[in-house]
C-alpha cells in the first residue's frame, strides 16, 4: 500500500539514533571492563561530543531479531560470508513503556565485504509487528515501498520468525571537525531472551555478556583516527568479533558456542581480574 504521509521527525532517543546512524561504514568492536569506562568516557569527551539525549550510563536499546528455523542468518555470520544480512525490529527507549503506537525501526542490516550497511524505516510498533510477524500489508510512505517489499519478500520466502532479543544501555559519542564521520558507542549490561518477544512483556532477561564488561564500537566512514587506536591500546581494550545476535542465540542454547562467543576465562570478573593480569605481566 502507498501513502504520501511523511515519516515523522525523530525526537528524543530516536533523534540520538538518527544522528548516529550511518548507512555505509566500517565497524571495529572492543571489549572493555566497566571499571575502565570513566577513563574512556573522559578521553572520548575530550575529542568528541556526547549526544544531548545520551546520558551517562546510556539510553535503552532493544532489538528483536528474525531468522529461519535453521538459523540461516546466524550461520552466515559464523561462517563469515562476505555478503550477509539480517532483519530486526529496534526500539529506542524503555521497553516496558512500548505500546502499539510507539515508534520503532524495521531494519535490514547487511555486510558487504568489510562495509556495514543499514536500511530502515520508522513505523508504529503495531505496524512493524503486522509487517514482520503477521505478514500483512501496511500503510507506508511511497518512497518506502521498495524497502517494505524487500522485508515482505525476506519474511515470506525464508519463513522468518522471531528468534531472540538483545538489549543494552548505550552511550553515544559523535565526532566533530576533522572527525565528523566518527561514531563511538559504549553498550552496557548486554542482555537478551529467547521467548515472550513483545518488548513490554514482563519476562525475564539474562545477561548474554558478563555484566562487568561492555562492548565499545568504533564506527567510521573511512579511517579510524590515530588518537582512538592509541586510546584503546592504553586502556588494554581487546578487539573482538562479537555479534550480540549470535551471542544471544548461543547463550540460550539455540546453537553451540562458536569461536565468536565471548570466552569468560579471558575476561574474568573484577574479583579475579588483578590476579589474572598479574600472571600475564600486564598489571600496571
Protein backbone atom coordinates (compact mmCIF):
# COMPACT_ATOMS: atom_id res chain seq x y z
CA UNK A 1 0.00 0.00 0.00
CA UNK A 2 1.13 3.55 -0.56
CA UNK A 3 0.70 6.80 1.26
CA UNK A 4 2.13 10.27 0.86
CA UNK A 5 2.40 10.89 4.60
CA UNK A 6 5.99 11.78 5.51
CA UNK A 7 7.90 9.92 8.18
CA UNK A 8 7.62 11.83 11.50
CA UNK A 9 10.66 13.80 12.59
CA UNK A 10 12.78 11.95 15.12
CA UNK A 11 12.96 13.24 18.67
CA UNK A 12 14.46 12.16 21.99
CA UNK A 13 16.14 8.74 21.85
CA UNK A 14 15.13 8.41 18.19
CA UNK A 15 16.93 11.66 17.42
CA UNK A 16 20.06 10.25 19.02
CA UNK A 17 19.75 7.10 16.96
CA UNK A 18 19.29 9.09 13.77
CA UNK A 19 22.34 11.23 14.49
CA UNK A 20 24.47 8.14 15.00
CA UNK A 21 23.15 6.23 12.04
CA UNK A 22 25.50 5.88 9.08
CA UNK A 23 24.29 3.83 6.16
CA UNK A 24 27.75 2.73 4.98
CA UNK A 25 30.55 2.42 7.48
CA UNK A 26 33.38 0.38 8.92
CA UNK A 27 32.97 -1.01 12.42
CA UNK A 28 35.52 -2.22 14.98
CA UNK A 29 34.32 -3.75 18.24
CA UNK A 30 36.18 -3.91 21.53
CA UNK A 31 35.51 -5.41 24.93
CA UNK A 32 36.25 -3.20 27.94
CA UNK A 33 35.87 -3.61 31.67
CA UNK A 34 33.27 -1.35 33.23
CA UNK A 35 35.94 -0.15 35.66
CA UNK A 36 37.75 1.44 32.69
CA UNK A 37 34.67 3.26 31.38
CA UNK A 38 35.17 6.51 33.38
CA UNK A 39 38.62 6.96 31.82
CA UNK A 40 37.28 6.00 28.39
CA UNK A 41 34.37 8.41 28.73
CA UNK A 42 36.67 11.24 29.82
CA UNK A 43 39.05 10.65 26.90
CA UNK A 44 36.23 10.49 24.35
CA UNK A 45 34.67 13.68 25.74
CA UNK A 46 37.95 15.48 25.08
CA UNK A 47 37.70 14.75 21.33
CA UNK A 48 34.02 14.12 20.64
CA UNK A 49 30.57 15.43 21.51
CA UNK A 50 28.21 13.44 23.69
CA UNK A 51 24.71 13.49 22.26
CA UNK A 52 22.28 15.55 24.33
CA UNK A 53 19.89 12.59 24.56
CA UNK A 54 22.65 10.15 25.56
CA UNK A 55 23.01 10.32 29.37
CA UNK A 56 25.94 8.94 31.35
CA UNK A 57 25.12 5.28 31.74
CA UNK A 58 23.24 5.16 28.43
CA UNK A 59 19.74 5.04 26.96
CA UNK A 60 17.87 1.74 26.39
CA UNK A 61 18.10 -0.06 23.04
CA UNK A 62 16.15 -3.27 22.43
CA UNK A 63 16.17 -5.35 19.25
CA UNK A 64 14.06 -8.31 18.13
CA UNK A 65 15.89 -10.49 15.59
CA UNK A 66 14.29 -12.70 12.96
CA UNK A 67 15.79 -15.83 11.47
CA UNK A 68 14.86 -19.06 9.75
CA UNK A 69 14.11 -22.28 11.61
CA UNK A 70 17.65 -23.49 10.86
CA UNK A 71 19.19 -20.11 11.79
CA UNK A 72 20.41 -19.16 8.33
CA UNK A 73 21.40 -15.60 9.29
CA UNK A 74 23.22 -16.85 12.38
CA UNK A 75 25.29 -19.36 10.36
CA UNK A 76 26.07 -16.81 7.65
CA UNK A 77 27.63 -14.64 10.36
CA UNK A 78 29.52 -17.51 11.98
CA UNK A 79 30.88 -18.67 8.60
CA UNK A 80 31.91 -15.12 7.72
CA UNK A 81 30.13 -14.85 4.38
CA UNK A 82 31.20 -11.71 2.55
CA UNK A 83 27.57 -10.84 1.84
CA UNK A 84 25.10 -11.43 4.63
CA UNK A 85 22.13 -9.69 6.17
CA UNK A 86 19.64 -9.90 8.98
CA UNK A 87 16.25 -8.47 9.84
CA UNK A 88 15.37 -6.85 13.15
CA UNK A 89 12.91 -4.52 14.81
CA UNK A 90 14.62 -1.98 17.06
CA UNK A 91 13.23 0.15 19.88
CA UNK A 92 14.98 3.17 21.36
CA UNK A 93 13.67 3.89 24.85
CA UNK A 94 12.32 1.92 27.82
CA UNK A 95 10.86 -1.38 26.54
CA UNK A 96 8.35 -1.59 29.41
CA UNK A 97 6.68 1.54 28.01
CA UNK A 98 6.25 0.18 24.46
CA UNK A 99 2.70 0.29 23.09
CA UNK A 100 1.19 -0.19 19.65
CA UNK A 101 1.84 3.45 18.73
CA UNK A 102 5.44 3.58 19.98
CA UNK A 103 7.79 4.37 17.07
CA UNK A 104 10.26 1.60 16.23
CA UNK A 105 12.58 0.87 13.33
CA UNK A 106 12.34 -2.10 11.00
CA UNK A 107 15.91 -2.61 9.82
CA UNK A 108 17.86 -4.73 7.39
CA UNK A 109 21.50 -4.76 8.41
CA UNK A 110 23.86 -6.24 5.88
CA UNK A 111 27.55 -6.71 5.40
CA UNK A 112 29.23 -6.36 2.01
CA UNK A 113 32.87 -7.38 2.36
CA UNK A 114 34.14 -5.09 5.16
CA UNK A 115 31.42 -2.45 4.87
CA UNK A 116 28.33 -2.45 7.08
CA UNK A 117 25.13 -1.09 5.56
CA UNK A 118 21.78 -0.38 7.18
CA UNK A 119 18.41 0.36 5.64
CA UNK A 120 15.35 1.02 7.74
CA UNK A 121 12.00 2.69 8.14
CA UNK A 122 10.27 4.06 11.19
CA UNK A 123 6.84 2.60 11.95
CA UNK A 124 4.42 2.39 14.86
CA UNK A 125 5.17 -0.79 16.80
CA UNK A 126 1.83 -2.39 15.82
CA UNK A 127 2.56 -1.77 12.12
CA UNK A 128 6.03 -3.28 12.45
CA UNK A 129 4.54 -6.41 14.01
CA UNK A 130 1.90 -6.59 11.30
CA UNK A 131 4.61 -6.43 8.63
CA UNK A 132 7.15 -8.81 10.19
CA UNK A 133 5.03 -11.19 12.28
CA UNK A 134 1.53 -11.23 10.81
CA UNK A 135 2.86 -10.75 7.24
CA UNK A 136 0.06 -8.33 6.43
CA UNK A 137 0.16 -5.19 4.25
CA UNK A 138 0.77 -1.87 6.00
CA UNK A 139 0.34 1.77 5.08
CA UNK A 140 3.66 3.42 4.32
CA UNK A 141 5.25 6.32 2.54
CA UNK A 142 5.56 5.78 -1.22
CA UNK A 143 9.34 6.15 -1.01
CA UNK A 144 9.48 3.25 1.47
CA UNK A 145 7.81 0.86 -0.98
CA UNK A 146 10.96 -0.94 -2.20
CA UNK A 147 12.18 -1.50 1.36
CA UNK A 148 8.79 -2.75 2.58
CA UNK A 149 8.66 -5.12 -0.40
CA UNK A 150 12.13 -6.42 0.45
CA UNK A 151 11.11 -7.09 4.04
CA UNK A 152 7.92 -8.80 2.89
CA UNK A 153 9.91 -10.98 0.48
CA UNK A 154 12.50 -11.90 3.09
CA UNK A 155 9.91 -12.82 5.70
CA UNK A 156 7.75 -14.77 3.26
CA UNK A 157 10.34 -16.56 1.16
CA UNK A 158 12.55 -17.56 4.09
CA UNK A 159 9.69 -18.09 6.56
CA UNK A 160 11.37 -15.83 9.11
CA UNK A 161 10.22 -15.88 12.70
CA UNK A 162 11.22 -14.08 15.93
CA UNK A 163 14.30 -15.78 17.39
CA UNK A 164 15.92 -13.77 20.20
CA UNK A 165 16.08 -10.27 21.59
CA UNK A 166 19.05 -8.22 22.69
CA UNK A 167 19.04 -5.17 24.91
CA UNK A 168 21.54 -2.81 26.50
CA UNK A 169 22.16 0.73 27.70
CA UNK A 170 24.04 2.73 25.06
CA UNK A 171 26.22 5.79 25.50
CA UNK A 172 26.86 7.61 22.24
CA UNK A 173 29.59 9.99 21.11
CA UNK A 174 29.80 11.77 17.76
CA UNK A 175 32.87 13.17 16.04
CA UNK A 176 33.37 16.84 15.29
CA UNK A 177 35.59 18.80 12.93
CA UNK A 178 38.06 16.53 11.16
CA UNK A 179 36.44 13.51 12.86
CA UNK A 180 32.92 14.32 11.69
CA UNK A 181 32.29 10.80 10.37
CA UNK A 182 33.39 9.11 13.60
CA UNK A 183 30.91 7.47 16.00
CA UNK A 184 31.71 5.67 19.24
CA UNK A 185 29.16 3.79 21.32
CA UNK A 186 29.51 2.05 24.69
CA UNK A 187 26.95 -0.69 25.35
CA UNK A 188 26.42 -1.65 28.99
CA UNK A 189 24.57 -4.56 30.62
CA UNK A 190 24.00 -6.51 27.42
CA UNK A 191 21.14 -8.96 27.90
CA UNK A 192 18.51 -10.87 25.94
CA UNK A 193 15.80 -13.52 25.92
CA UNK A 194 14.53 -16.28 23.64
CA UNK A 195 10.77 -16.06 24.28
CA UNK A 196 7.99 -13.58 25.19
CA UNK A 197 9.10 -11.32 22.38
CA UNK A 198 6.80 -8.32 22.90
CA UNK A 199 9.09 -5.51 24.01
CA UNK A 200 6.89 -4.72 27.03
CA UNK A 201 6.40 -8.34 28.12
CA UNK A 202 7.11 -8.81 31.86
CA UNK A 203 9.61 -11.54 31.01
CA UNK A 204 12.98 -12.37 32.47
CA UNK A 205 16.11 -11.28 30.62
CA UNK A 206 19.54 -12.83 31.08
CA UNK A 207 22.96 -11.30 30.60
CA UNK A 208 24.50 -12.51 27.34
CA UNK A 209 27.72 -10.59 28.02
CA UNK A 210 29.13 -10.68 31.57
CA UNK A 211 27.83 -7.51 33.27
CA UNK A 212 31.31 -6.36 34.28
CA UNK A 213 32.09 -6.00 30.57
CA UNK A 214 30.82 -3.55 27.96
CA UNK A 215 31.04 -3.51 24.18
CA UNK A 216 32.68 -0.47 22.59
CA UNK A 217 32.03 0.06 18.89
CA UNK A 218 34.17 2.37 16.78
CA UNK A 219 32.33 3.35 13.61
CA UNK A 220 33.99 5.35 10.86
CA UNK A 221 33.15 6.24 7.29
CA UNK A 222 36.75 5.82 6.14
CA UNK A 223 39.56 5.60 8.69
CA UNK A 224 39.80 5.44 12.48
CA UNK A 225 41.80 8.41 13.87
CA UNK A 226 45.15 7.64 15.47
CA UNK A 227 44.07 9.02 18.85
CA UNK A 228 41.31 6.40 19.02
CA UNK A 229 43.63 3.43 18.40
CA UNK A 230 46.11 4.91 20.88
CA UNK A 231 43.33 5.21 23.46
CA UNK A 232 42.19 1.60 23.03
CA UNK A 233 45.80 0.43 23.43
CA UNK A 234 46.32 2.47 26.61
CA UNK A 235 43.15 1.00 28.13
CA UNK A 236 44.15 -2.51 27.04
CA UNK A 237 40.87 -2.97 25.20
CA UNK A 238 40.56 -6.19 23.22
CA UNK A 239 39.35 -6.28 19.61
CA UNK A 240 36.61 -8.89 19.34
CA UNK A 241 34.50 -10.41 16.60
CA UNK A 242 31.31 -10.37 18.60
CA UNK A 243 27.73 -10.27 17.39
CA UNK A 244 25.11 -9.52 20.01
CA UNK A 245 22.64 -11.55 17.98
CA UNK A 246 24.94 -14.59 17.81
CA UNK A 247 25.84 -14.18 21.47
CA UNK A 248 22.15 -14.30 22.38
CA UNK A 249 21.49 -17.33 20.16
CA UNK A 250 24.34 -19.23 21.83
CA UNK A 251 23.58 -18.03 25.35
CA UNK A 252 20.16 -19.66 25.15
CA UNK A 253 21.44 -22.89 23.65
CA UNK A 254 19.88 -22.43 20.22
CA UNK A 255 23.30 -23.20 18.69
CA UNK A 256 26.61 -24.48 20.09
CA UNK A 257 29.12 -21.91 21.31
CA UNK A 258 31.23 -20.75 18.39
CA UNK A 259 34.69 -19.23 18.13
CA UNK A 260 32.98 -15.84 18.28
CA UNK A 261 31.49 -16.46 21.72
CA UNK A 262 32.97 -14.29 24.48
CA UNK A 263 35.44 -16.57 26.34
CA UNK A 264 34.67 -15.99 30.03
CA UNK A 265 38.11 -17.15 31.17
CA UNK A 266 39.85 -14.39 29.18
CA UNK A 267 37.68 -11.64 30.65
CA UNK A 268 37.33 -12.51 34.32
CA UNK A 269 35.09 -10.73 36.79
CA UNK A 270 36.64 -7.93 38.88
CA UNK A 271 37.46 -10.21 41.84
CA UNK A 272 39.77 -12.29 39.62
CA UNK A 273 40.97 -9.60 37.26
CA UNK A 274 44.07 -8.43 39.15
CA UNK A 275 45.34 -11.95 39.77
CA UNK A 276 44.91 -12.95 36.11
CA UNK A 277 46.51 -9.78 34.73
CA UNK A 278 49.39 -10.09 37.14
CA UNK A 279 50.17 -13.55 35.76
CA UNK A 280 50.47 -12.11 32.26
CA UNK A 281 52.60 -9.18 33.37
CA UNK A 282 50.13 -6.51 32.20
CA UNK A 283 49.04 -5.21 35.60
CA UNK A 284 50.05 -1.56 35.95
